[in-house]
C-alpha cells in the first residue's frame, strides 16, 4: 500500500468528522457514501495484504523447459555431494516447495477474514442512516472510536509493509 492509499483513508475520515454533528438527510447520505468508500478502499488494501502473504511463499514462475533444466542441474549437483534419497529427488524436482504448516495457513485465513469482517461491519453501521433518526447522531458519535482504530490499523499495515516489505521466496 502506498501513501496515496493512506491519504484516501484520511480523506474518508475527514468526511466522517464533518458530518458527525447533526444528521440531516444530506449529511447522512454523504456519511453513508464515505463509509462505503472506506469499506471498498479497506477491502482492497486487505486484498493486497492477502496477496503479499500468498506471494511471499510462492515459487517463481517458470516454464516447463526451465523446470526440466533445473531438475537435471539440481539432481546432478545433489547426486555428486550426497547419496540419493527420496528427499533429494523431491528437492531436485521442486527446490522451491515449502511445507507450510496447515495450522499456520488456517490462522492466516482467519486473520484475513477477521480483517474483512471488521471493515464490512463498520460500514454496515451506516447503511440505514439515510432513513434518518433522532439517535443517528449518537450512533455516529459512538462510531468515532471505531473509525479511529480502523484508520490507525490500516495505516499501521501500510507503514509496516512500506518499512519492511516481504521478501518473496523467488528472490531469496
N, C-alpha and C. Protein backbone atom coordinates (compact mmCIF):
# COMPACT_ATOMS: atom_id res chain seq x y z
N UNK A 1 0.85 -1.18 0.00
CA UNK A 1 0.00 0.00 0.00
C UNK A 1 0.89 1.24 0.00
N UNK A 2 0.43 2.25 -0.63
CA UNK A 2 1.22 3.45 -0.79
C UNK A 2 0.68 4.57 0.08
N UNK A 3 1.44 5.68 0.08
CA UNK A 3 0.99 6.86 0.80
C UNK A 3 -0.32 7.37 0.21
N UNK A 4 -0.50 7.17 -1.09
CA UNK A 4 -1.73 7.58 -1.77
C UNK A 4 -2.94 6.95 -1.11
N UNK A 5 -2.85 5.66 -0.77
CA UNK A 5 -3.96 4.98 -0.11
C UNK A 5 -4.19 5.54 1.29
N UNK A 6 -3.12 5.84 1.99
CA UNK A 6 -3.27 6.41 3.33
C UNK A 6 -3.99 7.75 3.25
N UNK A 7 -3.67 8.54 2.22
CA UNK A 7 -4.35 9.82 2.04
C UNK A 7 -5.84 9.62 1.74
N UNK A 8 -6.17 8.57 0.99
CA UNK A 8 -7.58 8.28 0.72
C UNK A 8 -8.31 7.97 2.03
N UNK A 9 -7.67 7.18 2.89
CA UNK A 9 -8.29 6.86 4.17
C UNK A 9 -8.49 8.12 4.99
N UNK A 10 -7.48 8.96 5.02
CA UNK A 10 -7.58 10.21 5.79
C UNK A 10 -8.71 11.07 5.25
N UNK A 11 -8.86 11.14 3.93
CA UNK A 11 -9.92 11.92 3.32
C UNK A 11 -11.29 11.39 3.72
N UNK A 12 -11.43 10.06 3.69
CA UNK A 12 -12.71 9.45 4.08
C UNK A 12 -13.08 9.82 5.52
N UNK A 13 -12.10 9.80 6.38
CA UNK A 13 -12.39 10.09 7.78
C UNK A 13 -12.63 11.55 8.03
N UNK A 14 -12.03 12.40 7.24
CA UNK A 14 -12.33 13.82 7.35
C UNK A 14 -13.80 14.05 7.05
N UNK A 15 -14.30 13.37 6.05
CA UNK A 15 -15.72 13.48 5.70
C UNK A 15 -16.58 12.99 6.87
N UNK A 16 -16.16 11.87 7.49
CA UNK A 16 -16.91 11.37 8.65
C UNK A 16 -17.06 12.45 9.71
N UNK A 17 -15.97 13.08 10.05
CA UNK A 17 -15.99 14.03 11.17
C UNK A 17 -16.77 15.29 10.80
N UNK A 18 -16.79 15.66 9.54
CA UNK A 18 -17.55 16.84 9.14
C UNK A 18 -19.05 16.64 9.34
N UNK A 19 -19.47 15.40 9.29
CA UNK A 19 -20.91 15.12 9.35
C UNK A 19 -21.37 14.53 10.67
N UNK A 20 -20.51 14.48 11.63
CA UNK A 20 -20.90 13.87 12.91
C UNK A 20 -21.94 14.71 13.64
N UNK A 21 -21.75 16.01 13.65
CA UNK A 21 -22.69 16.86 14.37
C UNK A 21 -23.94 17.05 13.52
N UNK A 22 -25.07 16.64 14.05
CA UNK A 22 -26.32 16.73 13.31
C UNK A 22 -26.35 15.69 12.21
N UNK A 23 -27.52 15.25 11.88
CA UNK A 23 -27.59 14.22 10.86
C UNK A 23 -28.78 14.49 9.95
N UNK A 24 -28.63 15.54 9.13
CA UNK A 24 -29.67 15.83 8.14
C UNK A 24 -29.61 14.75 7.07
N UNK A 25 -30.65 14.59 6.28
CA UNK A 25 -30.63 13.56 5.23
C UNK A 25 -29.44 13.72 4.27
N UNK A 26 -29.08 14.97 3.95
CA UNK A 26 -27.94 15.20 3.06
C UNK A 26 -26.64 14.75 3.72
N UNK A 27 -26.49 15.10 4.99
CA UNK A 27 -25.28 14.70 5.72
C UNK A 27 -25.24 13.18 5.89
N UNK A 28 -26.40 12.61 6.15
CA UNK A 28 -26.48 11.15 6.32
C UNK A 28 -26.08 10.44 5.03
N UNK A 29 -26.54 10.96 3.90
CA UNK A 29 -26.18 10.36 2.62
C UNK A 29 -24.68 10.46 2.36
N UNK A 30 -24.11 11.63 2.63
CA UNK A 30 -22.67 11.81 2.44
C UNK A 30 -21.87 10.91 3.38
N UNK A 31 -22.35 10.77 4.60
CA UNK A 31 -21.69 9.91 5.58
C UNK A 31 -21.74 8.44 5.13
N UNK A 32 -22.89 8.03 4.66
CA UNK A 32 -23.04 6.66 4.16
C UNK A 32 -22.10 6.42 2.98
N UNK A 33 -22.04 7.38 2.06
CA UNK A 33 -21.16 7.26 0.91
C UNK A 33 -19.70 7.15 1.35
N UNK A 34 -19.30 7.97 2.31
CA UNK A 34 -17.92 7.92 2.82
C UNK A 34 -17.63 6.57 3.47
N UNK A 35 -18.61 6.04 4.22
CA UNK A 35 -18.42 4.74 4.88
C UNK A 35 -18.27 3.62 3.85
N UNK A 36 -19.08 3.68 2.81
CA UNK A 36 -19.00 2.66 1.75
C UNK A 36 -17.65 2.76 1.03
N UNK A 37 -17.22 3.99 0.75
CA UNK A 37 -15.92 4.18 0.08
C UNK A 37 -14.79 3.69 0.97
N UNK A 38 -14.89 3.96 2.26
CA UNK A 38 -13.87 3.49 3.20
C UNK A 38 -13.82 1.96 3.19
N UNK A 39 -14.99 1.33 3.18
CA UNK A 39 -15.04 -0.13 3.15
C UNK A 39 -14.37 -0.66 1.87
N UNK A 40 -14.71 -0.07 0.75
CA UNK A 40 -14.15 -0.51 -0.53
C UNK A 40 -12.63 -0.37 -0.53
N UNK A 41 -12.13 0.77 -0.10
CA UNK A 41 -10.68 1.00 -0.06
C UNK A 41 -10.00 0.06 0.93
N UNK A 42 -10.62 -0.15 2.07
CA UNK A 42 -10.04 -1.03 3.08
C UNK A 42 -9.99 -2.47 2.60
N UNK A 43 -11.08 -2.94 2.00
CA UNK A 43 -11.10 -4.31 1.49
C UNK A 43 -10.08 -4.50 0.37
N UNK A 44 -9.87 -3.46 -0.42
CA UNK A 44 -8.84 -3.53 -1.46
C UNK A 44 -7.45 -3.63 -0.81
N UNK A 45 -7.23 -2.85 0.26
CA UNK A 45 -5.97 -2.94 0.99
C UNK A 45 -5.76 -4.32 1.60
N UNK A 46 -6.81 -4.88 2.17
CA UNK A 46 -6.73 -6.23 2.77
C UNK A 46 -6.45 -7.26 1.69
N UNK A 47 -7.04 -7.08 0.52
CA UNK A 47 -6.80 -7.99 -0.60
C UNK A 47 -5.31 -7.95 -0.99
N UNK A 48 -4.73 -6.76 -0.96
CA UNK A 48 -3.30 -6.63 -1.28
C UNK A 48 -2.43 -7.28 -0.21
N UNK A 49 -2.83 -7.14 1.05
CA UNK A 49 -2.09 -7.79 2.15
C UNK A 49 -2.14 -9.31 1.96
N UNK A 50 -3.33 -9.81 1.66
CA UNK A 50 -3.50 -11.26 1.43
C UNK A 50 -2.64 -11.72 0.25
N UNK A 51 -2.61 -10.92 -0.80
CA UNK A 51 -1.80 -11.24 -1.97
C UNK A 51 -0.32 -11.29 -1.60
N UNK A 52 0.15 -10.33 -0.81
CA UNK A 52 1.55 -10.33 -0.39
C UNK A 52 1.88 -11.56 0.43
N UNK A 53 0.99 -11.91 1.34
CA UNK A 53 1.23 -13.09 2.17
C UNK A 53 1.29 -14.36 1.33
N UNK A 54 0.46 -14.45 0.31
CA UNK A 54 0.45 -15.61 -0.57
C UNK A 54 1.69 -15.64 -1.46
N UNK A 55 2.00 -14.51 -2.05
CA UNK A 55 3.15 -14.43 -2.96
C UNK A 55 4.48 -14.63 -2.24
N UNK A 56 4.50 -14.32 -0.97
CA UNK A 56 5.75 -14.41 -0.21
C UNK A 56 6.33 -15.82 -0.26
N UNK A 57 5.48 -16.83 -0.31
CA UNK A 57 5.96 -18.22 -0.27
C UNK A 57 5.74 -18.97 -1.58
N UNK A 58 5.33 -18.27 -2.62
CA UNK A 58 5.13 -18.92 -3.91
C UNK A 58 6.46 -19.09 -4.63
N UNK A 59 6.54 -20.14 -5.39
CA UNK A 59 7.72 -20.36 -6.22
C UNK A 59 7.71 -19.37 -7.37
N UNK A 60 8.88 -19.06 -7.90
CA UNK A 60 8.91 -18.15 -9.05
C UNK A 60 8.22 -18.78 -10.25
N UNK A 61 7.63 -17.98 -11.09
CA UNK A 61 7.01 -18.54 -12.29
C UNK A 61 8.10 -19.08 -13.22
N UNK A 62 7.88 -20.30 -13.70
CA UNK A 62 8.87 -20.95 -14.57
C UNK A 62 8.15 -21.70 -15.68
N UNK A 63 8.81 -21.79 -16.82
CA UNK A 63 8.26 -22.58 -17.93
C UNK A 63 8.60 -24.04 -17.69
N UNK A 64 7.97 -24.93 -18.44
CA UNK A 64 8.27 -26.37 -18.34
C UNK A 64 9.72 -26.66 -18.66
N UNK A 65 10.24 -25.99 -19.68
CA UNK A 65 11.64 -26.23 -20.03
C UNK A 65 12.58 -25.77 -18.91
N UNK A 66 12.25 -24.67 -18.25
CA UNK A 66 13.07 -24.22 -17.12
C UNK A 66 13.00 -25.22 -15.97
N UNK A 67 11.82 -25.74 -15.71
CA UNK A 67 11.64 -26.72 -14.64
C UNK A 67 12.46 -27.97 -14.93
N UNK A 68 12.41 -28.45 -16.17
CA UNK A 68 13.16 -29.64 -16.55
C UNK A 68 14.67 -29.40 -16.45
N UNK A 69 15.11 -28.26 -16.94
CA UNK A 69 16.54 -27.93 -16.87
C UNK A 69 17.02 -27.82 -15.43
N UNK A 70 16.21 -27.15 -14.59
CA UNK A 70 16.57 -27.02 -13.17
C UNK A 70 16.64 -28.39 -12.50
N UNK A 71 15.71 -29.27 -12.85
CA UNK A 71 15.71 -30.61 -12.26
C UNK A 71 17.01 -31.34 -12.58
N UNK A 72 17.39 -31.34 -13.84
CA UNK A 72 18.61 -32.03 -14.25
C UNK A 72 19.82 -31.43 -13.52
N UNK A 73 19.93 -30.11 -13.54
CA UNK A 73 21.07 -29.45 -12.88
C UNK A 73 21.08 -29.73 -11.38
N UNK A 74 19.92 -29.59 -10.75
CA UNK A 74 19.82 -29.82 -9.30
C UNK A 74 20.16 -31.27 -8.96
N UNK A 75 19.61 -32.19 -9.73
CA UNK A 75 19.83 -33.60 -9.45
C UNK A 75 21.30 -33.96 -9.59
N UNK A 76 21.93 -33.49 -10.65
CA UNK A 76 23.35 -33.78 -10.86
C UNK A 76 24.20 -33.20 -9.73
N UNK A 77 23.89 -32.01 -9.33
CA UNK A 77 24.64 -31.35 -8.27
C UNK A 77 24.44 -32.06 -6.93
N UNK A 78 23.20 -32.37 -6.61
CA UNK A 78 22.91 -33.04 -5.34
C UNK A 78 23.48 -34.46 -5.32
N UNK A 79 23.41 -35.16 -6.45
CA UNK A 79 23.89 -36.54 -6.51
C UNK A 79 25.40 -36.63 -6.31
N UNK A 80 26.11 -35.59 -6.70
CA UNK A 80 27.57 -35.59 -6.53
C UNK A 80 27.97 -35.49 -5.07
N UNK A 81 27.20 -34.76 -4.29
CA UNK A 81 27.59 -34.46 -2.92
C UNK A 81 26.97 -35.36 -1.86
N UNK A 82 25.89 -36.04 -2.19
CA UNK A 82 25.20 -36.87 -1.20
C UNK A 82 24.68 -38.14 -1.85
N UNK A 83 24.25 -39.04 -1.01
CA UNK A 83 23.62 -40.24 -1.55
C UNK A 83 22.19 -39.91 -1.95
N UNK A 84 21.69 -40.60 -2.93
CA UNK A 84 20.36 -40.30 -3.47
C UNK A 84 19.29 -40.91 -2.58
N UNK A 85 18.41 -40.05 -2.11
CA UNK A 85 17.26 -40.48 -1.30
C UNK A 85 16.01 -39.87 -1.92
N UNK A 86 14.87 -40.26 -1.41
CA UNK A 86 13.62 -39.70 -1.93
C UNK A 86 13.54 -38.20 -1.65
N UNK A 87 14.11 -37.76 -0.52
CA UNK A 87 14.11 -36.33 -0.20
C UNK A 87 14.96 -35.55 -1.20
N UNK A 88 16.10 -36.12 -1.58
CA UNK A 88 16.98 -35.48 -2.55
C UNK A 88 16.27 -35.36 -3.90
N UNK A 89 15.59 -36.41 -4.29
CA UNK A 89 14.86 -36.38 -5.57
C UNK A 89 13.75 -35.33 -5.52
N UNK A 90 13.01 -35.28 -4.41
CA UNK A 90 11.94 -34.28 -4.26
C UNK A 90 12.52 -32.87 -4.31
N UNK A 91 13.65 -32.66 -3.66
CA UNK A 91 14.28 -31.35 -3.66
C UNK A 91 14.74 -30.99 -5.07
N UNK A 92 15.25 -31.95 -5.80
CA UNK A 92 15.69 -31.69 -7.17
C UNK A 92 14.50 -31.36 -8.07
N UNK A 93 13.38 -32.03 -7.84
CA UNK A 93 12.19 -31.78 -8.65
C UNK A 93 11.65 -30.37 -8.40
N UNK A 94 11.52 -30.00 -7.14
CA UNK A 94 10.99 -28.67 -6.82
C UNK A 94 11.71 -28.08 -5.61
N UNK A 95 12.81 -27.38 -5.86
CA UNK A 95 13.57 -26.82 -4.74
C UNK A 95 12.84 -25.68 -4.03
N UNK A 96 11.78 -25.16 -4.62
CA UNK A 96 11.04 -24.04 -4.03
C UNK A 96 9.88 -24.49 -3.16
N UNK A 97 9.63 -25.77 -3.15
CA UNK A 97 8.48 -26.29 -2.41
C UNK A 97 8.69 -26.08 -0.91
N UNK A 98 7.66 -25.51 -0.29
CA UNK A 98 7.68 -25.31 1.15
C UNK A 98 6.60 -26.17 1.78
N UNK A 99 6.91 -26.73 2.90
CA UNK A 99 5.91 -27.48 3.65
C UNK A 99 5.41 -26.57 4.77
N UNK A 100 4.45 -25.75 4.42
CA UNK A 100 3.90 -24.79 5.39
C UNK A 100 2.87 -25.50 6.24
N UNK A 101 2.99 -25.29 7.52
CA UNK A 101 2.08 -25.89 8.48
C UNK A 101 0.64 -25.49 8.15
N UNK A 102 -0.23 -26.47 8.02
CA UNK A 102 -1.65 -26.22 7.69
C UNK A 102 -2.32 -25.33 8.73
N UNK A 103 -1.91 -25.51 9.98
CA UNK A 103 -2.48 -24.69 11.05
C UNK A 103 -2.10 -23.22 10.87
N UNK A 104 -0.88 -22.98 10.43
CA UNK A 104 -0.43 -21.62 10.17
C UNK A 104 -1.23 -20.99 9.02
N UNK A 105 -1.47 -21.75 7.98
CA UNK A 105 -2.28 -21.26 6.86
C UNK A 105 -3.71 -20.97 7.30
N UNK A 106 -4.22 -21.81 8.17
CA UNK A 106 -5.57 -21.60 8.70
C UNK A 106 -5.63 -20.31 9.53
N UNK A 107 -4.61 -20.09 10.34
CA UNK A 107 -4.55 -18.86 11.15
C UNK A 107 -4.47 -17.63 10.26
N UNK A 108 -3.70 -17.74 9.17
CA UNK A 108 -3.61 -16.62 8.23
C UNK A 108 -4.98 -16.32 7.63
N UNK A 109 -5.70 -17.36 7.23
CA UNK A 109 -7.02 -17.17 6.65
C UNK A 109 -8.01 -16.57 7.65
N UNK A 110 -7.94 -17.03 8.88
CA UNK A 110 -8.80 -16.47 9.93
C UNK A 110 -8.48 -14.99 10.15
N UNK A 111 -7.20 -14.66 10.18
CA UNK A 111 -6.76 -13.27 10.34
C UNK A 111 -7.32 -12.39 9.22
N UNK A 112 -7.17 -12.83 7.98
CA UNK A 112 -7.65 -12.05 6.83
C UNK A 112 -9.17 -11.92 6.88
N UNK A 113 -9.87 -13.01 7.18
CA UNK A 113 -11.33 -12.97 7.25
C UNK A 113 -11.81 -12.04 8.36
N UNK A 114 -11.12 -12.05 9.50
CA UNK A 114 -11.48 -11.14 10.59
C UNK A 114 -11.27 -9.68 10.20
N UNK A 115 -10.19 -9.41 9.47
CA UNK A 115 -9.98 -8.04 8.98
C UNK A 115 -11.11 -7.60 8.08
N UNK A 116 -11.46 -8.45 7.14
CA UNK A 116 -12.55 -8.12 6.21
C UNK A 116 -13.84 -7.87 6.98
N UNK A 117 -14.09 -8.70 7.96
CA UNK A 117 -15.32 -8.59 8.76
C UNK A 117 -15.36 -7.26 9.51
N UNK A 118 -14.23 -6.85 10.07
CA UNK A 118 -14.18 -5.59 10.81
C UNK A 118 -14.61 -4.41 9.94
N UNK A 119 -14.05 -4.31 8.76
CA UNK A 119 -14.32 -3.16 7.89
C UNK A 119 -15.71 -3.24 7.27
N UNK A 120 -16.18 -4.43 6.98
CA UNK A 120 -17.53 -4.60 6.42
C UNK A 120 -18.57 -4.28 7.49
N UNK A 121 -18.34 -4.76 8.69
CA UNK A 121 -19.27 -4.49 9.79
C UNK A 121 -19.33 -3.00 10.11
N UNK A 122 -18.17 -2.36 10.08
CA UNK A 122 -18.14 -0.92 10.34
C UNK A 122 -18.99 -0.18 9.32
N UNK A 123 -18.84 -0.49 8.05
CA UNK A 123 -19.61 0.19 7.01
C UNK A 123 -21.09 -0.10 7.15
N UNK A 124 -21.43 -1.29 7.65
CA UNK A 124 -22.84 -1.66 7.80
C UNK A 124 -23.55 -0.77 8.81
N UNK A 125 -22.81 -0.20 9.74
CA UNK A 125 -23.40 0.72 10.73
C UNK A 125 -24.13 1.85 10.02
N UNK A 126 -23.61 2.26 8.87
CA UNK A 126 -24.12 3.45 8.19
C UNK A 126 -25.09 3.14 7.05
N UNK A 127 -25.42 1.87 6.85
CA UNK A 127 -26.28 1.51 5.72
C UNK A 127 -27.66 2.14 5.77
N UNK A 128 -28.27 2.17 6.92
CA UNK A 128 -29.63 2.69 7.03
C UNK A 128 -29.69 4.09 7.60
N UNK A 129 -28.57 4.76 7.63
CA UNK A 129 -28.52 6.08 8.27
C UNK A 129 -29.32 7.12 7.49
N UNK A 130 -29.47 6.92 6.18
CA UNK A 130 -30.19 7.89 5.37
C UNK A 130 -31.67 8.00 5.72
N UNK A 131 -32.22 6.95 6.30
CA UNK A 131 -33.63 6.99 6.67
C UNK A 131 -33.87 8.00 7.79
N UNK A 132 -32.79 8.41 8.44
CA UNK A 132 -32.89 9.45 9.45
C UNK A 132 -33.41 8.93 10.76
N UNK A 133 -32.86 9.45 11.80
CA UNK A 133 -33.27 9.06 13.13
C UNK A 133 -32.77 10.10 14.12
N UNK A 134 -33.52 10.30 15.15
CA UNK A 134 -33.11 11.23 16.20
C UNK A 134 -31.82 10.74 16.85
N UNK A 135 -31.65 9.43 16.90
CA UNK A 135 -30.48 8.85 17.57
C UNK A 135 -29.30 8.62 16.63
N UNK A 136 -29.46 8.95 15.35
CA UNK A 136 -28.39 8.70 14.39
C UNK A 136 -27.11 9.44 14.76
N UNK A 137 -27.25 10.68 15.21
CA UNK A 137 -26.08 11.46 15.62
C UNK A 137 -25.30 10.78 16.72
N UNK A 138 -26.01 10.19 17.68
CA UNK A 138 -25.35 9.48 18.78
C UNK A 138 -24.64 8.22 18.28
N UNK A 139 -25.29 7.51 17.36
CA UNK A 139 -24.67 6.30 16.80
C UNK A 139 -23.40 6.65 16.04
N UNK A 140 -23.46 7.74 15.29
CA UNK A 140 -22.28 8.18 14.55
C UNK A 140 -21.17 8.60 15.51
N UNK A 141 -21.55 9.31 16.55
CA UNK A 141 -20.56 9.74 17.54
C UNK A 141 -19.88 8.53 18.20
N UNK A 142 -20.67 7.50 18.50
CA UNK A 142 -20.10 6.29 19.10
C UNK A 142 -19.15 5.58 18.14
N UNK A 143 -19.40 5.73 16.85
CA UNK A 143 -18.54 5.06 15.87
C UNK A 143 -17.19 5.76 15.71
N UNK A 144 -17.06 6.92 16.30
CA UNK A 144 -15.82 7.69 16.17
C UNK A 144 -14.60 6.88 16.63
N UNK A 145 -14.70 6.23 17.78
CA UNK A 145 -13.54 5.49 18.29
C UNK A 145 -13.22 4.29 17.40
N UNK A 146 -14.26 3.66 16.87
CA UNK A 146 -14.03 2.53 15.95
C UNK A 146 -13.34 3.04 14.69
N UNK A 147 -13.81 4.18 14.19
CA UNK A 147 -13.22 4.78 13.00
C UNK A 147 -11.74 5.06 13.21
N UNK A 148 -11.41 5.63 14.35
CA UNK A 148 -10.01 5.93 14.66
C UNK A 148 -9.17 4.66 14.70
N UNK A 149 -9.69 3.63 15.35
CA UNK A 149 -8.94 2.37 15.46
C UNK A 149 -8.71 1.74 14.10
N UNK A 150 -9.74 1.71 13.28
CA UNK A 150 -9.61 1.10 11.96
C UNK A 150 -8.65 1.90 11.07
N UNK A 151 -8.70 3.22 11.19
CA UNK A 151 -7.79 4.07 10.42
C UNK A 151 -6.35 3.82 10.84
N UNK A 152 -6.12 3.80 12.14
CA UNK A 152 -4.77 3.55 12.66
C UNK A 152 -4.29 2.17 12.26
N UNK A 153 -5.17 1.19 12.33
CA UNK A 153 -4.81 -0.18 11.96
C UNK A 153 -4.37 -0.26 10.49
N UNK A 154 -5.17 0.31 9.59
CA UNK A 154 -4.83 0.25 8.17
C UNK A 154 -3.56 1.04 7.89
N UNK A 155 -3.40 2.18 8.53
CA UNK A 155 -2.17 2.96 8.36
C UNK A 155 -0.96 2.20 8.88
N UNK A 156 -1.12 1.48 9.98
CA UNK A 156 -0.02 0.69 10.54
C UNK A 156 0.37 -0.43 9.58
N UNK A 157 -0.61 -1.07 8.96
CA UNK A 157 -0.32 -2.11 7.96
C UNK A 157 0.49 -1.50 6.80
N UNK A 158 0.02 -0.36 6.31
CA UNK A 158 0.69 0.29 5.17
C UNK A 158 2.12 0.67 5.54
N UNK A 159 2.31 1.24 6.72
CA UNK A 159 3.66 1.63 7.16
C UNK A 159 4.55 0.42 7.34
N UNK A 160 4.02 -0.63 7.94
CA UNK A 160 4.80 -1.84 8.17
C UNK A 160 5.26 -2.46 6.85
N UNK A 161 4.36 -2.52 5.90
CA UNK A 161 4.70 -3.10 4.60
C UNK A 161 5.70 -2.21 3.87
N UNK A 162 5.53 -0.91 4.02
CA UNK A 162 6.45 0.03 3.38
C UNK A 162 7.84 -0.05 4.01
N UNK A 163 7.90 -0.13 5.33
CA UNK A 163 9.18 -0.18 6.05
C UNK A 163 9.86 -1.54 5.94
N UNK A 164 9.07 -2.61 5.91
CA UNK A 164 9.60 -3.98 5.89
C UNK A 164 8.87 -4.81 4.83
N UNK A 165 9.14 -4.54 3.56
CA UNK A 165 8.42 -5.30 2.53
C UNK A 165 8.77 -6.78 2.62
N UNK A 166 7.78 -7.64 2.36
CA UNK A 166 8.06 -9.06 2.42
C UNK A 166 9.07 -9.46 1.33
N UNK A 167 9.93 -10.41 1.67
CA UNK A 167 10.90 -10.92 0.71
C UNK A 167 10.32 -12.19 0.15
N UNK A 168 9.95 -12.15 -1.10
CA UNK A 168 9.33 -13.31 -1.72
C UNK A 168 10.35 -14.43 -1.88
N UNK A 169 9.88 -15.63 -1.76
CA UNK A 169 10.72 -16.82 -1.88
C UNK A 169 11.56 -16.80 -3.15
N UNK A 170 10.96 -16.34 -4.24
CA UNK A 170 11.68 -16.36 -5.50
C UNK A 170 12.88 -15.43 -5.52
N UNK A 171 12.96 -14.49 -4.58
CA UNK A 171 14.10 -13.58 -4.54
C UNK A 171 15.08 -13.89 -3.43
N UNK A 172 14.85 -14.96 -2.69
CA UNK A 172 15.75 -15.32 -1.60
C UNK A 172 16.94 -16.07 -2.13
